[in-house]
Protein backbone atom coordinates (compact mmCIF):
# COMPACT_ATOMS: atom_id res chain seq x y z
CA MET A 1 7.01 17.88 -15.97
CA ALA A 2 6.15 15.31 -18.62
CA THR A 3 2.77 13.76 -17.98
CA ASP A 4 2.07 11.48 -20.92
CA ASN A 5 3.83 8.63 -22.65
CA GLU A 6 4.78 10.64 -25.75
CA HIS A 7 6.65 13.29 -23.77
CA ILE A 8 8.25 10.70 -21.49
CA ALA A 9 9.44 8.67 -24.49
CA LEU A 10 11.01 11.76 -26.08
CA MET A 11 12.83 12.58 -22.85
CA PHE A 12 14.22 9.06 -22.46
CA ASN A 13 15.20 8.95 -26.13
CA ASP A 14 17.23 12.11 -25.50
CA ILE A 15 19.13 10.75 -22.50
CA ALA A 16 19.44 7.13 -23.73
CA PRO A 17 23.13 7.36 -24.81
CA THR A 18 24.25 8.39 -21.30
CA TYR A 19 21.49 6.72 -19.25
CA ASP A 20 23.49 3.75 -17.96
CA LYS A 21 26.60 5.78 -17.20
CA LEU A 22 24.59 8.33 -15.23
CA ASN A 23 22.65 5.69 -13.32
CA HIS A 24 25.89 4.17 -12.07
CA ILE A 25 27.48 7.55 -11.30
CA LEU A 26 24.44 8.97 -9.51
CA SER A 27 23.85 5.86 -7.42
CA LEU A 28 27.57 5.19 -6.79
CA ASN A 29 26.96 1.83 -8.49
CA VAL A 30 24.50 0.76 -5.78
CA ASP A 31 21.80 0.38 -8.45
CA LYS A 32 23.58 -2.81 -9.58
CA SER A 33 23.19 -4.33 -6.12
CA TRP A 34 19.52 -3.32 -6.01
CA ARG A 35 18.87 -5.06 -9.32
CA ARG A 36 20.66 -8.22 -8.19
CA LYS A 37 18.50 -8.41 -5.07
CA ALA A 38 15.32 -7.93 -7.08
CA VAL A 39 16.29 -10.60 -9.61
CA ARG A 40 17.11 -13.03 -6.79
CA ARG A 41 13.57 -12.58 -5.48
CA LEU A 42 12.18 -13.11 -8.95
CA LYS A 43 14.21 -16.28 -9.39
CA LYS A 44 13.11 -17.65 -6.01
CA SER A 45 9.46 -17.17 -6.98
CA LEU A 46 10.02 -19.34 -10.09
CA ILE A 47 11.76 -22.26 -8.38
CA ASP A 48 9.01 -24.71 -9.43
CA VAL A 49 8.59 -23.38 -12.99
CA GLU A 50 10.64 -25.24 -15.63
CA ASN A 51 10.64 -22.84 -18.58
CA PRO A 52 9.32 -19.54 -17.27
CA LEU A 53 8.07 -16.68 -19.40
CA ILE A 54 9.03 -13.36 -17.81
CA LEU A 55 7.95 -9.83 -18.69
CA ASP A 56 10.25 -6.87 -17.99
CA VAL A 57 8.05 -3.76 -18.08
CA ALA A 58 9.64 -0.37 -18.81
CA CYS A 59 12.86 -2.30 -19.42
CA GLY A 60 14.80 0.73 -20.66
CA THR A 61 18.32 -0.22 -21.74
CA ALA A 62 17.72 -3.80 -20.55
CA ASP A 63 20.04 -3.98 -17.52
CA SER A 64 17.35 -5.91 -15.65
CA THR A 65 16.27 -7.88 -18.72
CA VAL A 66 19.78 -9.20 -19.27
CA LYS A 67 20.29 -9.93 -15.57
CA ILE A 68 17.05 -11.94 -15.47
CA ALA A 69 18.07 -14.01 -18.50
CA GLU A 70 21.51 -14.64 -16.99
CA LYS A 71 20.21 -15.72 -13.59
CA VAL A 72 16.93 -17.52 -14.34
CA GLU A 73 17.79 -20.69 -16.22
CA ASN A 74 15.71 -21.61 -19.28
CA ALA A 75 13.71 -18.40 -19.00
CA LYS A 76 12.39 -16.53 -22.01
CA VAL A 77 12.35 -12.81 -21.24
CA PHE A 78 10.27 -10.17 -22.99
CA GLY A 79 11.24 -6.53 -22.51
CA ILE A 80 8.84 -3.71 -23.30
CA ASP A 81 9.40 0.05 -23.25
CA ILE A 82 8.08 3.22 -24.89
CA SER A 83 11.54 4.58 -25.78
CA THR A 84 12.91 3.34 -29.09
CA LYS A 85 16.42 4.61 -28.32
CA MET A 86 16.55 2.82 -24.98
CA LEU A 87 15.42 -0.42 -26.65
CA GLU A 88 18.12 -0.07 -29.32
CA ILE A 89 20.76 0.00 -26.58
CA GLY A 90 19.06 -2.95 -24.88
CA LYS A 91 19.23 -4.97 -28.08
CA GLU A 92 22.96 -4.21 -28.42
CA LYS A 93 23.59 -5.44 -24.86
CA THR A 94 21.59 -8.59 -25.53
CA GLU A 95 23.61 -9.39 -28.65
CA LYS A 96 26.92 -8.78 -26.87
CA LYS A 97 25.87 -11.24 -24.18
CA GLY A 98 24.71 -13.79 -26.75
CA LEU A 99 21.22 -13.81 -25.28
CA GLN A 100 19.21 -12.83 -28.36
CA ASP A 101 17.57 -16.28 -28.50
CA ARG A 102 16.19 -15.84 -24.99
CA ILE A 103 15.37 -12.12 -24.94
CA SER A 104 13.02 -10.23 -27.22
CA PHE A 105 11.88 -6.61 -27.20
CA SER A 106 8.85 -4.64 -28.31
CA ILE A 107 7.65 -1.06 -28.09
CA SER A 108 4.77 -0.97 -25.66
CA SER A 109 3.50 1.09 -22.77
CA ALA A 110 2.61 -0.45 -19.43
CA GLU A 111 -0.93 0.77 -19.93
CA ASN A 112 -1.43 -1.22 -23.15
CA ILE A 113 0.63 -4.41 -23.02
CA GLY A 114 0.41 -6.32 -26.29
CA PHE A 115 0.15 -9.83 -24.85
CA LYS A 116 -2.78 -12.14 -24.12
CA ASP A 117 -4.25 -12.69 -20.67
CA ASP A 118 -2.40 -15.14 -18.38
CA THR A 119 0.79 -15.24 -20.46
CA PHE A 120 3.67 -14.72 -18.01
CA ASP A 121 4.90 -16.62 -14.97
CA ALA A 122 6.44 -13.46 -13.53
CA ALA A 123 6.91 -9.77 -14.27
CA MET A 124 9.38 -7.15 -13.14
CA VAL A 125 9.44 -3.36 -13.22
CA ALA A 126 12.76 -1.77 -12.28
CA PHE A 127 12.58 2.00 -11.75
CA GLY A 128 9.65 2.30 -14.14
CA VAL A 129 6.40 2.52 -12.18
CA ARG A 130 7.09 6.22 -11.48
CA ASN A 131 6.92 6.83 -15.23
CA PHE A 132 3.58 5.14 -15.91
CA SER A 133 1.21 7.74 -17.31
CA ASP A 134 -1.64 5.93 -15.53
CA ARG A 135 -0.23 3.96 -12.60
CA GLU A 136 -3.35 1.96 -11.76
CA LYS A 137 -4.03 1.06 -15.38
CA GLY A 138 -0.43 -0.09 -15.81
CA LEU A 139 -0.56 -2.28 -12.72
CA LYS A 140 -3.88 -3.80 -13.81
CA GLU A 141 -2.41 -4.54 -17.23
CA ILE A 142 0.50 -6.36 -15.63
CA LEU A 143 -1.98 -8.32 -13.51
CA ARG A 144 -3.93 -9.23 -16.66
CA VAL A 145 -0.94 -10.72 -18.48
CA LEU A 146 0.35 -12.63 -15.44
CA LYS A 147 -0.69 -16.25 -15.01
CA PRO A 148 -2.64 -17.10 -11.86
CA GLU A 149 -0.17 -17.17 -8.94
CA GLY A 150 2.34 -15.27 -11.08
CA THR A 151 4.70 -12.94 -9.22
CA LEU A 152 5.32 -9.23 -9.73
CA ILE A 153 8.58 -7.69 -8.50
CA ILE A 154 8.86 -3.90 -8.46
CA LEU A 155 12.11 -2.08 -7.77
CA GLU A 156 11.60 1.62 -7.19
CA LEU A 157 13.37 4.65 -5.76
CA SER A 158 11.83 6.14 -2.64
CA GLU A 159 12.29 8.99 -0.22
CA PRO A 160 14.03 7.78 2.95
CA GLN A 161 12.04 8.24 6.16
CA ASN A 162 15.03 8.65 8.48
CA VAL A 163 15.34 12.40 9.15
CA MET A 164 19.13 12.63 8.73
CA VAL A 165 19.27 10.42 5.64
CA ARG A 166 16.38 12.37 4.15
CA TRP A 167 18.23 15.67 4.67
CA PHE A 168 21.23 14.42 2.66
CA TYR A 169 18.88 12.85 0.10
CA ASN A 170 17.09 16.18 -0.49
CA LEU A 171 20.38 18.05 -0.76
CA TYR A 172 21.67 15.58 -3.33
CA PHE A 173 18.51 15.08 -5.40
CA LYS A 174 17.42 18.71 -5.55
CA ASN A 175 20.73 20.54 -5.76
CA ILE A 176 23.43 18.21 -7.05
CA LEU A 177 21.82 15.54 -9.23
CA PRO A 178 20.36 17.92 -11.89
CA HIS A 179 23.77 19.55 -12.38
CA ILE A 180 25.53 16.20 -12.83
CA GLY A 181 22.73 15.09 -15.15
CA LYS A 182 23.11 18.21 -17.28
CA ARG A 183 26.90 17.92 -17.40
CA VAL A 184 26.87 14.29 -18.55
CA SER A 185 23.67 14.10 -20.62
CA GLY A 186 23.04 17.72 -21.55
CA ASN A 187 19.52 17.43 -20.13
CA ALA A 188 19.06 18.81 -16.62
CA ASN A 189 15.26 18.68 -16.93
CA ALA A 190 15.30 14.88 -17.16
CA TYR A 191 16.98 14.66 -13.78
CA ARG A 192 14.70 17.25 -12.24
CA TYR A 193 11.90 15.03 -13.54
CA LEU A 194 13.52 12.08 -11.76
CA GLN A 195 13.54 13.96 -8.46
CA GLN A 196 9.94 15.11 -8.94
CA THR A 197 8.62 11.64 -9.74
CA VAL A 198 10.32 10.12 -6.69
CA GLU A 199 8.89 12.92 -4.56
CA LYS A 200 5.37 12.31 -5.86
CA PHE A 201 5.51 8.51 -5.63
CA PRO A 202 3.18 7.04 -2.98
CA MET A 203 4.57 6.12 0.41
CA PRO A 204 5.00 2.34 0.90
CA GLU A 205 1.72 1.79 2.73
CA GLU A 206 -0.20 3.78 0.12
CA PHE A 207 1.45 1.94 -2.77
CA MET A 208 0.78 -1.44 -1.15
CA ALA A 209 -2.87 -0.43 -0.86
CA MET A 210 -2.87 0.49 -4.56
CA LEU A 211 -1.45 -2.91 -5.48
CA SER A 212 -4.16 -4.55 -3.42
CA ASP A 213 -6.89 -2.44 -5.04
CA CYS A 214 -5.55 -3.46 -8.46
CA GLY A 215 -6.02 -7.14 -7.55
CA PHE A 216 -2.62 -8.24 -6.23
CA LYS A 217 -2.26 -10.38 -3.11
CA GLU A 218 0.52 -11.58 -0.79
CA LEU A 219 2.05 -8.12 -0.69
CA LYS A 220 5.53 -7.53 0.72
CA HIS A 221 8.06 -4.70 0.62
CA LYS A 222 11.61 -4.22 1.79
CA ALA A 223 13.65 -1.05 2.17
CA LEU A 224 17.14 -1.00 0.66
CA SER A 225 20.01 1.40 1.44
CA CYS A 226 18.25 3.22 4.29
CA GLY A 227 15.05 3.52 2.27
CA LEU A 228 16.57 5.06 -0.88
CA CYS A 229 15.08 2.17 -2.83
CA ARG A 230 12.38 -0.43 -2.17
CA ILE A 231 11.51 -3.87 -3.47
CA TYR A 232 7.80 -4.66 -3.68
CA GLN A 233 6.57 -8.20 -4.22
CA ALA A 234 3.03 -9.31 -5.04
CA LYS A 235 1.10 -12.22 -6.52
CA LYS A 236 -1.83 -12.63 -8.83
CA GLN A 237 -4.67 -14.50 -7.23
CA ASN A 238 -5.45 -17.88 -8.77
CA GLU A 239 -8.74 -18.55 -10.51
CA GLN A 240 -10.39 -20.00 -7.39
CA GLY A 241 -9.43 -16.96 -5.33
CA VAL A 242 -6.90 -18.93 -3.27
CA ILE A 243 -3.16 -18.25 -3.39
């Protein structure tokens, strides 16, 4: 399994041309609903901010980046990712939507974000925290570039805790998904990697504790689709230590 940013970037470069198609096939298009719900939460957190600056970390092919720009009025959105091929597709989407004046992209890992402290009003990570080479460092970097009281929204796949749902989940992820992934993308290993990273991701309580240890406050999480996906929400403490 890939364990560093260079290997992860090469893998995502390889599957970039079929990434969106496979996401929608493998999730039966439910991933679109998950993103909409996450963006709604992001928008609600910015209700009092006139011209928000928003960071989309591990933005991939920019599905979330574009959705944020479409739904959050007057926002300027910055997407970062380590995969050049994914960003190329993201730029094409942005141009087709006519959003190039409000969205910009740069190659950057979550662990070394190339922006100054206290830059962004909000940040989002959609299906990307699993791929951080150093999860705690990436979360602390996001905290650093958020303004005091800035909001972080994380959308991430998870293993369902219901016994019956989990049985079907394991059957699908371990035995079916890699074969579909290989058939469509030619890369079965990438989709075995997906299953492995979901399996190794911390349980909700453990991940909430990690967010707290990294400096985030006002922690919330919500299960979606019987626990197949979760939305996490957190805030950066203000300078006086009061939210």
